[in-house]
């Protein structure tokens, strides 16, 4: 993770037709400053250093009383110290954490007047869109870096062992201490919450779409329940398709179902056989769609479960079973704390 709890001590621009806030790029670029400088000036008062006494990260003002950061930044702390850009220190209480999405909310005792809430974008990001990260890498206060949205709909590891869906990939510089900070669009809305670095020029953020679902629930209840299906899947490649008598590769092969999960007794896993030296699932269900929407990749299914469903909701699964399309139903449950299924 990019920064979290180191002893030293990153969003897609909403479209002009769907602004998430009155802040507009044309209002920001003034006095001869470039877009990056204008965004920095606009939001820096709302970005904070989060100090748990065991390590440091970054957060940002979500509303008049709460700061958003990563769950792995606050870790097991119940209280933290926050430093705003003007030098103001204040106490904060960890209101809620969700290790599955790596998001946390801190209730702040006293918020400086200039620290205004940073709104999450309402529209989806675009690959190639310019972004800005603002945070405290290596305890260097108020650092800005710029880059692009490099990819969308990524699955990234969570502290709970599952995968976080719908993540944003960026090439903006992210280092220890950046975790929990905002990944900003040039209209000064939050595209995502900086989460991790995976090497040179590859970093990730938790999408605004997922944060918009999780954060309000953390404020209200201190926790968030994710919908859970309980299945392990594999993409249907040409080799898998041929081994299963399919005319073309499509959907996801059911490899394993978790005992007692919604998938148990509903989806049928195949057996593993060796085809041309590779292990290939054969004879089980091929998942083609959920609630009528085609699933082409594991990322498709993970994002749908995370963004469109909740525990106790019933979903329709379209499967290819013994060469025939069938629709089966199952009711999702709340995700267990740990599971053999990294998808959920």
C-alpha atoms as a PDB file:
ATOM      1  CA  UNK A   1       0.000   0.000   0.000  1.00  0.00           C
ATOM      2  CA  UNK A   2       1.230   3.457  -0.760  1.00  0.00           C
ATOM      3  CA  UNK A   3       1.857   4.799   2.457  1.00  0.00           C
ATOM      4  CA  UNK A   4       0.289   3.700   5.089  1.00  0.00           C
ATOM      5  CA  UNK A   5       1.561   3.666   8.428  1.00  0.00           C
ATOM      6  CA  UNK A   6       5.092   4.451   7.374  1.00  0.00           C
ATOM      7  CA  UNK A   7       7.043   5.989  10.229  1.00  0.00           C
ATOM      8  CA  UNK A   8       7.752   9.003   8.015  1.00  0.00           C
ATOM      9  CA  UNK A   9       5.032   9.855   7.423  1.00  0.00           C
ATOM     10  CA  UNK A  10      -4.899  10.117  -6.797  1.00  0.00           C
ATOM     11  CA  UNK A  11     -10.127  10.489 -10.716  1.00  0.00           C
ATOM     12  CA  UNK A  12     -11.862  11.005 -13.792  1.00  0.00           C
ATOM     13  CA  UNK A  13     -12.996  14.365 -14.809  1.00  0.00           C
ATOM     14  CA  UNK A  14     -16.745  14.691 -14.776  1.00  0.00           C
ATOM     15  CA  UNK A  15     -18.188  15.591 -18.139  1.00  0.00           C
ATOM     16  CA  UNK A  16     -19.334  19.176 -18.755  1.00  0.00           C
ATOM     17  CA  UNK A  17     -22.920  17.930 -18.987  1.00  0.00           C
ATOM     18  CA  UNK A  18     -22.779  16.230 -15.567  1.00  0.00           C
ATOM     19  CA  UNK A  19     -20.935  18.543 -13.167  1.00  0.00           C
ATOM     20  CA  UNK A  20     -20.739  17.306  -9.599  1.00  0.00           C
ATOM     21  CA  UNK A  21     -20.145  20.768  -8.202  1.00  0.00           C
ATOM     22  CA  UNK A  22     -20.281  24.444  -9.192  1.00  0.00           C
ATOM     23  CA  UNK A  23     -16.479  24.437  -9.238  1.00  0.00           C
ATOM     24  CA  UNK A  24     -15.569  24.733 -12.905  1.00  0.00           C
ATOM     25  CA  UNK A  25     -12.207  24.579 -14.568  1.00  0.00           C
ATOM     26  CA  UNK A  26     -12.793  27.978 -16.182  1.00  0.00           C
ATOM     27  CA  UNK A  27     -13.278  29.452 -12.709  1.00  0.00           C
ATOM     28  CA  UNK A  28     -10.146  27.772 -11.412  1.00  0.00           C
ATOM     29  CA  UNK A  29      -7.709  28.859 -14.086  1.00  0.00           C
ATOM     30  CA  UNK A  30      -7.076  32.453 -13.238  1.00  0.00           C
ATOM     31  CA  UNK A  31      -4.258  34.906 -12.748  1.00  0.00           C
ATOM     32  CA  UNK A  32      -2.185  33.080 -15.340  1.00  0.00           C
ATOM     33  CA  UNK A  33      -1.942  29.816 -13.402  1.00  0.00           C
ATOM     34  CA  UNK A  34      -2.080  26.465 -15.169  1.00  0.00           C
ATOM     35  CA  UNK A  35      -4.830  23.942 -14.405  1.00  0.00           C
ATOM     36  CA  UNK A  36      -2.711  21.924 -11.969  1.00  0.00           C
ATOM     37  CA  UNK A  37      -1.806  24.993  -9.922  1.00  0.00           C
ATOM     38  CA  UNK A  38      -5.424  26.140  -9.934  1.00  0.00           C
ATOM     39  CA  UNK A  39      -6.691  22.793  -8.658  1.00  0.00           C
ATOM     40  CA  UNK A  40      -3.999  22.735  -5.987  1.00  0.00           C
ATOM     41  CA  UNK A  41      -4.934  26.221  -4.780  1.00  0.00           C
ATOM     42  CA  UNK A  42      -8.606  25.276  -4.783  1.00  0.00           C
ATOM     43  CA  UNK A  43      -8.356  22.108  -2.705  1.00  0.00           C
ATOM     44  CA  UNK A  44      -5.156  22.186  -0.638  1.00  0.00           C
ATOM     45  CA  UNK A  45      -6.912  23.656   2.415  1.00  0.00           C
ATOM     46  CA  UNK A  46      -9.133  20.567   2.479  1.00  0.00           C
ATOM     47  CA  UNK A  47      -6.312  17.990   2.339  1.00  0.00           C
ATOM     48  CA  UNK A  48      -4.949  16.786   5.687  1.00  0.00           C
ATOM     49  CA  UNK A  49      -2.088  14.775   7.099  1.00  0.00           C
ATOM     50  CA  UNK A  50      -3.395  11.837   9.139  1.00  0.00           C
ATOM     51  CA  UNK A  51      -1.114  10.869  12.052  1.00  0.00           C
ATOM     52  CA  UNK A  52      -1.961   7.681  13.961  1.00  0.00           C
ATOM     53  CA  UNK A  53       1.181   7.866  16.117  1.00  0.00           C
ATOM     54  CA  UNK A  54       2.207   4.608  14.445  1.00  0.00           C
ATOM     55  CA  UNK A  55       2.429   6.082  10.962  1.00  0.00           C
ATOM     56  CA  UNK A  56       1.070   8.721   8.644  1.00  0.00           C
ATOM     57  CA  UNK A  57      -1.027   9.099   5.526  1.00  0.00           C
ATOM     58  CA  UNK A  58      -3.348  11.580   3.862  1.00  0.00           C
ATOM     59  CA  UNK A  59      -7.052  12.371   4.022  1.00  0.00           C
ATOM     60  CA  UNK A  60      -9.462  15.002   2.729  1.00  0.00           C
ATOM     61  CA  UNK A  61     -12.526  16.854   3.947  1.00  0.00           C
ATOM     62  CA  UNK A  62     -15.726  14.995   2.990  1.00  0.00           C
ATOM     63  CA  UNK A  63     -18.281  17.185   4.766  1.00  0.00           C
ATOM     64  CA  UNK A  64     -18.263  19.733   7.583  1.00  0.00           C
ATOM     65  CA  UNK A  65     -17.488  17.083  10.206  1.00  0.00           C
ATOM     66  CA  UNK A  66     -15.710  14.167   8.517  1.00  0.00           C
ATOM     67  CA  UNK A  67     -12.470  13.315   6.727  1.00  0.00           C
ATOM     68  CA  UNK A  68     -12.063  10.379   4.328  1.00  0.00           C
ATOM     69  CA  UNK A  69      -8.892   8.291   4.189  1.00  0.00           C
ATOM     70  CA  UNK A  70      -7.825   4.651   3.735  1.00  0.00           C
ATOM     71  CA  UNK A  71      -8.670   1.925   6.226  1.00  0.00           C
ATOM     72  CA  UNK A  72      -5.049   0.791   6.127  1.00  0.00           C
ATOM     73  CA  UNK A  73      -3.929   4.304   7.078  1.00  0.00           C
ATOM     74  CA  UNK A  74      -5.906   4.369  10.341  1.00  0.00           C
ATOM     75  CA  UNK A  75      -5.365   0.625  10.863  1.00  0.00           C
ATOM     76  CA  UNK A  76      -6.511  -0.229  14.409  1.00  0.00           C
ATOM     77  CA  UNK A  77      -6.368   3.314  15.761  1.00  0.00           C
ATOM     78  CA  UNK A  78      -9.478   4.712  17.467  1.00  0.00           C
ATOM     79  CA  UNK A  79      -8.239   8.300  17.417  1.00  0.00           C
ATOM     80  CA  UNK A  80      -5.828  10.238  15.210  1.00  0.00           C
ATOM     81  CA  UNK A  81      -4.271  13.661  14.903  1.00  0.00           C
ATOM     82  CA  UNK A  82      -4.932  15.720  11.787  1.00  0.00           C
ATOM     83  CA  UNK A  83      -2.826  18.559  10.437  1.00  0.00           C
ATOM     84  CA  UNK A  84      -4.338  20.947   7.926  1.00  0.00           C
ATOM     85  CA  UNK A  85      -2.280  22.859   5.390  1.00  0.00           C
ATOM     86  CA  UNK A  86      -2.385  26.082   7.411  1.00  0.00           C
ATOM     87  CA  UNK A  87      -0.615  24.283  10.256  1.00  0.00           C
ATOM     88  CA  UNK A  88      -3.733  23.697  12.375  1.00  0.00           C
ATOM     89  CA  UNK A  89      -3.681  20.456  14.379  1.00  0.00           C
ATOM     90  CA  UNK A  90      -6.917  18.878  15.550  1.00  0.00           C
ATOM     91  CA  UNK A  91      -8.085  15.580  17.019  1.00  0.00           C
ATOM     92  CA  UNK A  92     -10.148  13.058  15.122  1.00  0.00           C
ATOM     93  CA  UNK A  93     -12.073   9.927  16.079  1.00  0.00           C
ATOM     94  CA  UNK A  94     -12.243   6.998  13.681  1.00  0.00           C
ATOM     95  CA  UNK A  95     -15.965   6.807  12.902  1.00  0.00           C
ATOM     96  CA  UNK A  96     -15.880   3.742  10.705  1.00  0.00           C
ATOM     97  CA  UNK A  97     -13.630   1.549   8.593  1.00  0.00           C
ATOM     98  CA  UNK A  98     -14.209  -0.907   5.769  1.00  0.00           C
ATOM     99  CA  UNK A  99     -11.220  -3.089   5.041  1.00  0.00           C
ATOM    100  CA  UNK A 100     -12.979  -4.594   1.997  1.00  0.00           C
ATOM    101  CA  UNK A 101     -12.940  -1.259   0.151  1.00  0.00           C
ATOM    102  CA  UNK A 102      -9.986   0.146   2.143  1.00  0.00           C
ATOM    103  CA  UNK A 103     -11.984   3.225   3.113  1.00  0.00           C
ATOM    104  CA  UNK A 104     -12.273   4.923   6.497  1.00  0.00           C
ATOM    105  CA  UNK A 105     -14.029   7.963   7.919  1.00  0.00           C
ATOM    106  CA  UNK A 106     -12.706  10.183  10.698  1.00  0.00           C
ATOM    107  CA  UNK A 107     -14.966  12.461  12.746  1.00  0.00           C
ATOM    108  CA  UNK A 108     -13.132  15.746  13.294  1.00  0.00           C
ATOM    109  CA  UNK A 109     -13.375  17.780  16.487  1.00  0.00           C
ATOM    110  CA  UNK A 110     -12.639  21.194  14.979  1.00  0.00           C
ATOM    111  CA  UNK A 111     -12.451  21.921  11.254  1.00  0.00           C
ATOM    112  CA  UNK A 112     -10.724  25.114  10.066  1.00  0.00           C
ATOM    113  CA  UNK A 113     -13.072  27.419   8.224  1.00  0.00           C
ATOM    114  CA  UNK A 114     -11.120  27.251   4.967  1.00  0.00           C
ATOM    115  CA  UNK A 115     -11.320  23.424   4.827  1.00  0.00           C
ATOM    116  CA  UNK A 116     -14.367  23.039   2.604  1.00  0.00           C
ATOM    117  CA  UNK A 117     -15.724  19.612   1.569  1.00  0.00           C
ATOM    118  CA  UNK A 118     -14.372  18.083  -1.627  1.00  0.00           C
ATOM    119  CA  UNK A 119     -17.208  16.496  -3.647  1.00  0.00           C
ATOM    120  CA  UNK A 120     -16.942  13.128  -5.367  1.00  0.00           C
ATOM    121  CA  UNK A 121     -17.452  13.231  -9.106  1.00  0.00           C
ATOM    122  CA  UNK A 122     -20.797  11.923 -10.349  1.00  0.00           C
ATOM    123  CA  UNK A 123     -19.703  10.751 -13.788  1.00  0.00           C
ATOM    124  CA  UNK A 124     -17.317   7.986 -14.802  1.00  0.00           C
ATOM    125  CA  UNK A 125     -13.656   8.830 -15.549  1.00  0.00           C
ATOM    126  CA  UNK A 126     -12.084   8.503 -18.980  1.00  0.00           C
ATOM    127  CA  UNK A 127      -8.846   6.796 -19.886  1.00  0.00           C
ATOM    128  CA  UNK A 128      -6.373   9.512 -20.815  1.00  0.00           C
ATOM    129  CA  UNK A 129      -8.022  12.113 -18.584  1.00  0.00           C
ATOM    130  CA  UNK A 130      -5.650  14.390 -16.697  1.00  0.00           C
ATOM    131  CA  UNK A 131      -5.565  13.996 -12.916  1.00  0.00           C
ATOM    132  CA  UNK A 132      -3.836  15.491  -9.903  1.00  0.00           C
ATOM    133  CA  UNK A 133      -2.898  13.807  -6.625  1.00  0.00           C
ATOM    134  CA  UNK A 134      -2.349  15.851  -3.490  1.00  0.00           C
ATOM    135  CA  UNK A 135      -0.911  14.418  -0.293  1.00  0.00           C
ATOM    136  CA  UNK A 136       1.974  13.990   2.085  1.00  0.00           C
ATOM    137  CA  UNK A 137       4.461  11.489   0.625  1.00  0.00           C
ATOM    138  CA  UNK A 138       7.439  10.812   2.879  1.00  0.00           C
ATOM    139  CA  UNK A 139       6.045  13.432   5.283  1.00  0.00           C
ATOM    140  CA  UNK A 140       6.464  16.151   2.638  1.00  0.00           C
ATOM    141  CA  UNK A 141       3.448  18.319   3.314  1.00  0.00           C
ATOM    142  CA  UNK A 142       1.138  19.423   0.510  1.00  0.00           C
ATOM    143  CA  UNK A 143       2.817  17.641  -2.397  1.00  0.00           C
ATOM    144  CA  UNK A 144       1.107  17.697  -5.796  1.00  0.00           C
ATOM    145  CA  UNK A 145       1.739  15.365  -8.719  1.00  0.00           C
ATOM    146  CA  UNK A 146       0.003  15.125 -12.073  1.00  0.00           C
ATOM    147  CA  UNK A 147      -0.666  12.382 -14.571  1.00  0.00           C
ATOM    148  CA  UNK A 148      -3.350  10.560 -16.509  1.00  0.00           C
ATOM    149  CA  UNK A 149      -6.027   7.999 -15.886  1.00  0.00           C
ATOM    150  CA  UNK A 150      -4.172   4.985 -17.280  1.00  0.00           C
ATOM    151  CA  UNK A 151      -6.926   2.402 -16.913  1.00  0.00           C
ATOM    152  CA  UNK A 152     -10.335   1.702 -15.403  1.00  0.00           C
ATOM    153  CA  UNK A 153     -12.229  -1.144 -13.764  1.00  0.00           C
ATOM    154  CA  UNK A 154      -9.170  -2.693 -12.156  1.00  0.00           C
ATOM    155  CA  UNK A 155      -9.290  -5.286  -9.379  1.00  0.00           C
ATOM    156  CA  UNK A 156      -6.794  -4.462  -6.633  1.00  0.00           C
ATOM    157  CA  UNK A 157      -6.001  -6.190  -3.301  1.00  0.00           C
ATOM    158  CA  UNK A 158      -7.802  -5.101  -0.151  1.00  0.00           C
ATOM    159  CA  UNK A 159      -6.588  -5.417   3.446  1.00  0.00           C
ATOM    160  CA  UNK A 160      -9.339  -8.030   3.971  1.00  0.00           C
ATOM    161  CA  UNK A 161      -7.986 -10.345   1.288  1.00  0.00           C
ATOM    162  CA  UNK A 162     -10.743  -9.738  -1.224  1.00  0.00           C
ATOM    163  CA  UNK A 163     -10.337  -7.605  -4.337  1.00  0.00           C
ATOM    164  CA  UNK A 164     -11.513  -4.009  -4.601  1.00  0.00           C
ATOM    165  CA  UNK A 165     -13.387  -3.588  -7.898  1.00  0.00           C
ATOM    166  CA  UNK A 166     -13.835  -0.569 -10.164  1.00  0.00           C
ATOM    167  CA  UNK A 167     -10.416   0.842  -9.207  1.00  0.00           C
ATOM    168  CA  UNK A 168      -8.742   3.610 -11.200  1.00  0.00           C
ATOM    169  CA  UNK A 169      -5.209   3.158 -12.513  1.00  0.00           C
ATOM    170  CA  UNK A 170      -3.034   6.262 -12.884  1.00  0.00           C
ATOM    171  CA  UNK A 171       0.551   7.137 -13.737  1.00  0.00           C
ATOM    172  CA  UNK A 172       0.540  10.117 -11.354  1.00  0.00           C
ATOM    173  CA  UNK A 173       3.305   9.770  -8.773  1.00  0.00           C
ATOM    174  CA  UNK A 174       2.150   7.964  -5.605  1.00  0.00           C
ATOM    175  CA  UNK A 175       4.503   7.218  -2.713  1.00  0.00           C
ATOM    176  CA  UNK A 176       4.329   6.258   0.980  1.00  0.00           C
ATOM    177  CA  UNK A 177       2.227   8.903   2.705  1.00  0.00           C
ATOM    178  CA  UNK A 178      -0.060   9.556  -0.303  1.00  0.00           C
ATOM    179  CA  UNK A 179      -2.522   6.864   0.769  1.00  0.00           C
ATOM    180  CA  UNK A 180      -5.993   8.180   1.525  1.00  0.00           C
ATOM    181  CA  UNK A 181      -5.525  11.420  -0.388  1.00  0.00           C
ATOM    182  CA  UNK A 182      -7.693  12.640  -3.251  1.00  0.00           C
ATOM    183  CA  UNK A 183      -7.201  11.782  -6.904  1.00  0.00           C
ATOM    184  CA  UNK A 184      -8.581  14.966  -8.434  1.00  0.00           C
ATOM    185  CA  UNK A 185     -10.006  15.877 -11.804  1.00  0.00           C
ATOM    186  CA  UNK A 186      -9.205  19.289 -13.245  1.00  0.00           C
ATOM    187  CA  UNK A 187     -12.663  20.557 -12.257  1.00  0.00           C
ATOM    188  CA  UNK A 188     -11.662  19.991  -8.612  1.00  0.00           C
ATOM    189  CA  UNK A 189     -13.883  16.994  -7.948  1.00  0.00           C
ATOM    190  CA  UNK A 190     -12.607  13.757  -6.414  1.00  0.00           C
ATOM    191  CA  UNK A 191     -12.312  10.916  -8.910  1.00  0.00           C
ATOM    192  CA  UNK A 192     -10.952   8.464  -6.366  1.00  0.00           C
ATOM    193  CA  UNK A 193      -9.171   7.864  -3.082  1.00  0.00           C
ATOM    194  CA  UNK A 194      -5.478   7.066  -3.516  1.00  0.00           C
ATOM    195  CA  UNK A 195      -4.849   3.501  -2.418  1.00  0.00           C
ATOM    196  CA  UNK A 196      -1.625   1.884  -3.584  1.00  0.00           C
ATOM    197  CA  UNK A 197       1.377   1.780  -5.872  1.00  0.00           C
ATOM    198  CA  UNK A 198       2.297  -1.225  -7.985  1.00  0.00           C
ATOM    199  CA  UNK A 199       5.594  -0.116  -9.487  1.00  0.00           C
ATOM    200  CA  UNK A 200       6.933   2.704 -11.603  1.00  0.00           C
ATOM    201  CA  UNK A 201       4.111   4.741 -13.165  1.00  0.00           C
ATOM    202  CA  UNK A 202       1.388   2.396 -11.910  1.00  0.00           C
ATOM    203  CA  UNK A 203      -0.770   3.467  -8.973  1.00  0.00           C
ATOM    204  CA  UNK A 204      -4.405   2.959  -8.034  1.00  0.00           C
ATOM    205  CA  UNK A 205      -7.311   4.754  -6.460  1.00  0.00           C
ATOM    206  CA  UNK A 206     -10.639   3.570  -5.064  1.00  0.00           C
ATOM    207  CA  UNK A 207     -13.285   4.911  -7.427  1.00  0.00           C
ATOM    208  CA  UNK A 208     -15.647   7.723  -6.499  1.00  0.00           C
ATOM    209  CA  UNK A 209     -18.532   5.433  -7.444  1.00  0.00           C
ATOM    210  CA  UNK A 210     -17.577   2.909  -4.760  1.00  0.00           C
ATOM    211  CA  UNK A 211     -16.715   5.596  -2.212  1.00  0.00           C
ATOM    212  CA  UNK A 212     -20.112   7.257  -2.717  1.00  0.00           C
ATOM    213  CA  UNK A 213     -21.761   4.009  -1.592  1.00  0.00           C
ATOM    214  CA  UNK A 214     -19.448   3.162   1.288  1.00  0.00           C
ATOM    215  CA  UNK A 215     -18.648   6.484   2.963  1.00  0.00           C
ATOM    216  CA  UNK A 216     -22.205   7.570   3.930  1.00  0.00           C
ATOM    217  CA  UNK A 217     -22.792   4.157   5.510  1.00  0.00           C
ATOM    218  CA  UNK A 218     -19.547   4.410   7.481  1.00  0.00           C
ATOM    219  CA  UNK A 219     -20.720   7.752   8.838  1.00  0.00           C
ATOM    220  CA  UNK A 220     -24.164   6.396   9.717  1.00  0.00           C
ATOM    221  CA  UNK A 221     -23.280   2.943  11.057  1.00  0.00           C
ATOM    222  CA  UNK A 222     -19.505   2.710  11.336  1.00  0.00           C
ATOM    223  CA  UNK A 223     -19.432  -0.254   8.943  1.00  0.00           C
ATOM    224  CA  UNK A 224     -20.482  -1.300   5.445  1.00  0.00           C
ATOM    225  CA  UNK A 225     -21.823  -4.657   4.238  1.00  0.00           C
ATOM    226  CA  UNK A 226     -20.828  -5.823   0.762  1.00  0.00           C
ATOM    227  CA  UNK A 227     -22.935  -8.179  -1.309  1.00  0.00           C
ATOM    228  CA  UNK A 228     -21.461 -11.666  -1.577  1.00  0.00           C
ATOM    229  CA  UNK A 229     -21.952 -14.429  -4.159  1.00  0.00           C
ATOM    230  CA  UNK A 230     -19.202 -16.851  -3.110  1.00  0.00           C
ATOM    231  CA  UNK A 231     -17.769 -18.179  -6.338  1.00  0.00           C
ATOM    232  CA  UNK A 232     -14.389 -18.548  -8.016  1.00  0.00           C
ATOM    233  CA  UNK A 233     -14.391 -17.952 -11.761  1.00  0.00           C
ATOM    234  CA  UNK A 234     -12.037 -18.102 -14.718  1.00  0.00           C
ATOM    235  CA  UNK A 235     -12.263 -16.213 -17.998  1.00  0.00           C
ATOM    236  CA  UNK A 236     -13.340 -18.347 -20.932  1.00  0.00           C
ATOM    237  CA  UNK A 237     -10.379 -18.281 -23.315  1.00  0.00           C
ATOM    238  CA  UNK A 238     -10.402 -19.999 -26.724  1.00  0.00           C
ATOM    239  CA  UNK A 239      -8.804 -23.042 -25.054  1.00  0.00           C
ATOM    240  CA  UNK A 240     -11.498 -23.176 -22.349  1.00  0.00           C
ATOM    241  CA  UNK A 241     -14.226 -22.660 -24.948  1.00  0.00           C
ATOM    242  CA  UNK A 242     -12.936 -25.514 -27.126  1.00  0.00           C
ATOM    243  CA  UNK A 243     -12.657 -27.844 -24.133  1.00  0.00           C
ATOM    244  CA  UNK A 244     -16.288 -27.123 -23.274  1.00  0.00           C
ATOM    245  CA  UNK A 245     -17.657 -27.474 -26.799  1.00  0.00           C
ATOM    246  CA  UNK A 246     -18.414 -23.770 -27.192  1.00  0.00           C
ATOM    247  CA  UNK A 247     -18.395 -22.132 -30.610  1.00  0.00           C
ATOM    248  CA  UNK A 248     -16.715 -18.993 -29.286  1.00  0.00           C
ATOM    249  CA  UNK A 249     -15.165 -17.788 -26.023  1.00  0.00           C
ATOM    250  CA  UNK A 250     -17.629 -15.912 -23.836  1.00  0.00           C
ATOM    251  CA  UNK A 251     -18.465 -15.505 -20.182  1.00  0.00           C
ATOM    252  CA  UNK A 252     -16.809 -16.911 -17.075  1.00  0.00           C
ATOM    253  CA  UNK A 253     -16.289 -20.555 -16.162  1.00  0.00           C
ATOM    254  CA  UNK A 254     -17.384 -21.576 -12.657  1.00  0.00           C
ATOM    255  CA  UNK A 255     -14.345 -23.127 -10.989  1.00  0.00           C
ATOM    256  CA  UNK A 256     -15.358 -23.325  -7.344  1.00  0.00           C
ATOM    257  CA  UNK A 257     -18.224 -22.266  -5.064  1.00  0.00           C
ATOM    258  CA  UNK A 258     -17.882 -21.517  -1.373  1.00  0.00           C
ATOM    259  CA  UNK A 259     -19.804 -23.894   0.861  1.00  0.00           C
ATOM    260  CA  UNK A 260     -22.859 -22.208   2.354  1.00  0.00           C
ATOM    261  CA  UNK A 261     -22.609 -19.229   0.001  1.00  0.00           C
ATOM    262  CA  UNK A 262     -25.366 -18.021  -2.358  1.00  0.00           C
ATOM    263  CA  UNK A 263     -23.565 -19.803  -5.218  1.00  0.00           C
ATOM    264  CA  UNK A 264     -23.615 -23.124  -3.364  1.00  0.00           C
ATOM    265  CA  UNK A 265     -26.276 -25.384  -4.863  1.00  0.00           C
ATOM    266  CA  UNK A 266     -27.073 -22.837  -7.570  1.00  0.00           C
ATOM    267  CA  UNK A 267     -23.978 -22.693  -9.758  1.00  0.00           C
ATOM    268  CA  UNK A 268     -22.244 -25.865 -10.880  1.00  0.00           C
ATOM    269  CA  UNK A 269     -18.433 -26.021 -10.969  1.00  0.00           C
ATOM    270  CA  UNK A 270     -16.637 -28.152 -13.511  1.00  0.00           C
ATOM    271  CA  UNK A 271     -13.703 -30.461 -13.156  1.00  0.00           C
ATOM    272  CA  UNK A 272     -10.128 -29.512 -13.980  1.00  0.00           C
ATOM    273  CA  UNK A 273      -8.526 -31.281 -16.908  1.00  0.00           C
ATOM    274  CA  UNK A 274      -5.195 -30.877 -18.665  1.00  0.00           C
ATOM    275  CA  UNK A 275      -5.507 -29.562 -22.220  1.00  0.00           C
ATOM    276  CA  UNK A 276      -2.297 -28.964 -24.143  1.00  0.00           C
ATOM    277  CA  UNK A 277      -0.416 -28.898 -20.859  1.00  0.00           C
ATOM    278  CA  UNK A 278      -2.730 -26.338 -19.205  1.00  0.00           C
ATOM    279  CA  UNK A 279      -5.269 -26.864 -16.428  1.00  0.00           C
ATOM    280  CA  UNK A 280      -8.716 -26.080 -17.858  1.00  0.00           C
ATOM    281  CA  UNK A 281     -12.180 -26.119 -16.183  1.00  0.00           C
ATOM    282  CA  UNK A 282     -14.473 -28.485 -18.056  1.00  0.00           C
ATOM    283  CA  UNK A 283     -18.141 -29.369 -17.712  1.00  0.00           C
ATOM    284  CA  UNK A 284     -19.356 -26.722 -15.306  1.00  0.00           C
ATOM    285  CA  UNK A 285     -21.576 -23.675 -15.720  1.00  0.00           C
ATOM    286  CA  UNK A 286     -20.453 -20.757 -17.850  1.00  0.00           C
ATOM    287  CA  UNK A 287     -21.744 -17.508 -16.363  1.00  0.00           C
ATOM    288  CA  UNK A 288     -22.925 -15.268 -19.212  1.00  0.00           C
ATOM    289  CA  UNK A 289     -24.903 -12.490 -17.528  1.00  0.00           C
ATOM    290  CA  UNK A 290     -26.189 -11.089 -14.245  1.00  0.00           C
ATOM    291  CA  UNK A 291     -29.578  -9.389 -14.125  1.00  0.00           C
ATOM    292  CA  UNK A 292     -29.574  -9.349 -17.912  1.00  0.00           C
ATOM    293  CA  UNK A 293     -26.211  -7.598 -18.266  1.00  0.00           C
ATOM    294  CA  UNK A 294     -23.459  -9.531 -20.022  1.00  0.00           C
ATOM    295  CA  UNK A 295     -20.316 -10.341 -18.050  1.00  0.00           C
ATOM    296  CA  UNK A 296     -17.261 -10.479 -20.272  1.00  0.00           C
ATOM    297  CA  UNK A 297     -14.644 -10.329 -17.523  1.00  0.00           C
ATOM    298  CA  UNK A 298     -14.312 -11.013 -13.820  1.00  0.00           C
ATOM    299  CA  UNK A 299     -14.009  -7.239 -13.400  1.00  0.00           C
ATOM    300  CA  UNK A 300     -17.481  -6.832 -14.949  1.00  0.00           C
ATOM    301  CA  UNK A 301     -19.059  -9.104 -12.372  1.00  0.00           C
ATOM    302  CA  UNK A 302     -17.112  -7.682  -9.427  1.00  0.00           C
ATOM    303  CA  UNK A 303     -18.053  -4.103 -10.312  1.00  0.00           C
ATOM    304  CA  UNK A 304     -21.714  -5.020 -10.746  1.00  0.00           C
ATOM    305  CA  UNK A 305     -21.865  -6.745  -7.371  1.00  0.00           C
ATOM    306  CA  UNK A 306     -20.104  -3.824  -5.665  1.00  0.00           C
ATOM    307  CA  UNK A 307     -21.959  -0.938  -7.306  1.00  0.00           C
ATOM    308  CA  UNK A 308     -25.396  -2.303  -8.176  1.00  0.00           C
ATOM    309  CA  UNK A 309     -26.325  -4.848  -5.498  1.00  0.00           C
ATOM    310  CA  UNK A 310     -26.664  -5.171  -1.736  1.00  0.00           C
ATOM    311  CA  UNK A 311     -27.005  -8.081   0.697  1.00  0.00           C
ATOM    312  CA  UNK A 312     -30.439  -9.766   0.740  1.00  0.00           C
ATOM    313  CA  UNK A 313     -31.141  -8.797  -2.876  1.00  0.00           C
ATOM    314  CA  UNK A 314     -31.969 -11.539  -5.383  1.00  0.00           C
ATOM    315  CA  UNK A 315     -30.064 -11.645  -8.667  1.00  0.00           C
ATOM    316  CA  UNK A 316     -30.688 -13.536 -11.897  1.00  0.00           C
ATOM    317  CA  UNK A 317     -27.716 -15.392 -13.326  1.00  0.00           C
ATOM    318  CA  UNK A 318     -27.730 -16.476 -16.951  1.00  0.00           C
ATOM    319  CA  UNK A 319     -25.590 -19.581 -17.384  1.00  0.00           C
ATOM    320  CA  UNK A 320     -24.647 -21.922 -20.168  1.00  0.00           C
ATOM    321  CA  UNK A 321     -25.295 -25.378 -18.697  1.00  0.00           C
ATOM    322  CA  UNK A 322     -24.776 -28.550 -20.730  1.00  0.00           C
ATOM    323  CA  UNK A 323     -24.948 -26.478 -23.910  1.00  0.00           C
ATOM    324  CA  UNK A 324     -28.238 -24.756 -23.010  1.00  0.00           C
ATOM    325  CA  UNK A 325     -28.843 -21.269 -21.630  1.00  0.00           C
ATOM    326  CA  UNK A 326     -30.619 -21.223 -18.291  1.00  0.00           C
ATOM    327  CA  UNK A 327     -31.561 -18.527 -15.781  1.00  0.00           C
ATOM    328  CA  UNK A 328     -31.046 -19.295 -12.105  1.00  0.00           C
ATOM    329  CA  UNK A 329     -31.720 -17.074  -9.120  1.00  0.00           C
ATOM    330  CA  UNK A 330     -29.944 -16.651  -5.823  1.00  0.00           C
ATOM    331  CA  UNK A 331     -30.116 -14.218  -2.918  1.00  0.00           C
ATOM    332  CA  UNK A 332     -26.910 -12.443  -2.011  1.00  0.00           C
ATOM    333  CA  UNK A 333     -25.663 -12.294   1.569  1.00  0.00           C
ATOM    334  CA  UNK A 334     -23.300 -10.003   3.454  1.00  0.00           C
ATOM    335  CA  UNK A 335     -19.691 -10.780   2.681  1.00  0.00           C
ATOM    336  CA  UNK A 336     -17.865 -12.811   5.326  1.00  0.00           C
ATOM    337  CA  UNK A 337     -14.793 -11.256   6.867  1.00  0.00           C
ATOM    338  CA  UNK A 338     -12.616 -13.826   5.148  1.00  0.00           C
ATOM    339  CA  UNK A 339     -13.293 -16.167   2.251  1.00  0.00           C
ATOM    340  CA  UNK A 340     -11.626 -18.519  -0.203  1.00  0.00           C
ATOM    341  CA  UNK A 341     -13.290 -16.518  -2.956  1.00  0.00           C
ATOM    342  CA  UNK A 342     -11.360 -13.287  -3.607  1.00  0.00           C
ATOM    343  CA  UNK A 343     -14.151 -11.972  -5.818  1.00  0.00           C
ATOM    344  CA  UNK A 344     -17.070 -12.105  -3.441  1.00  0.00           C
END
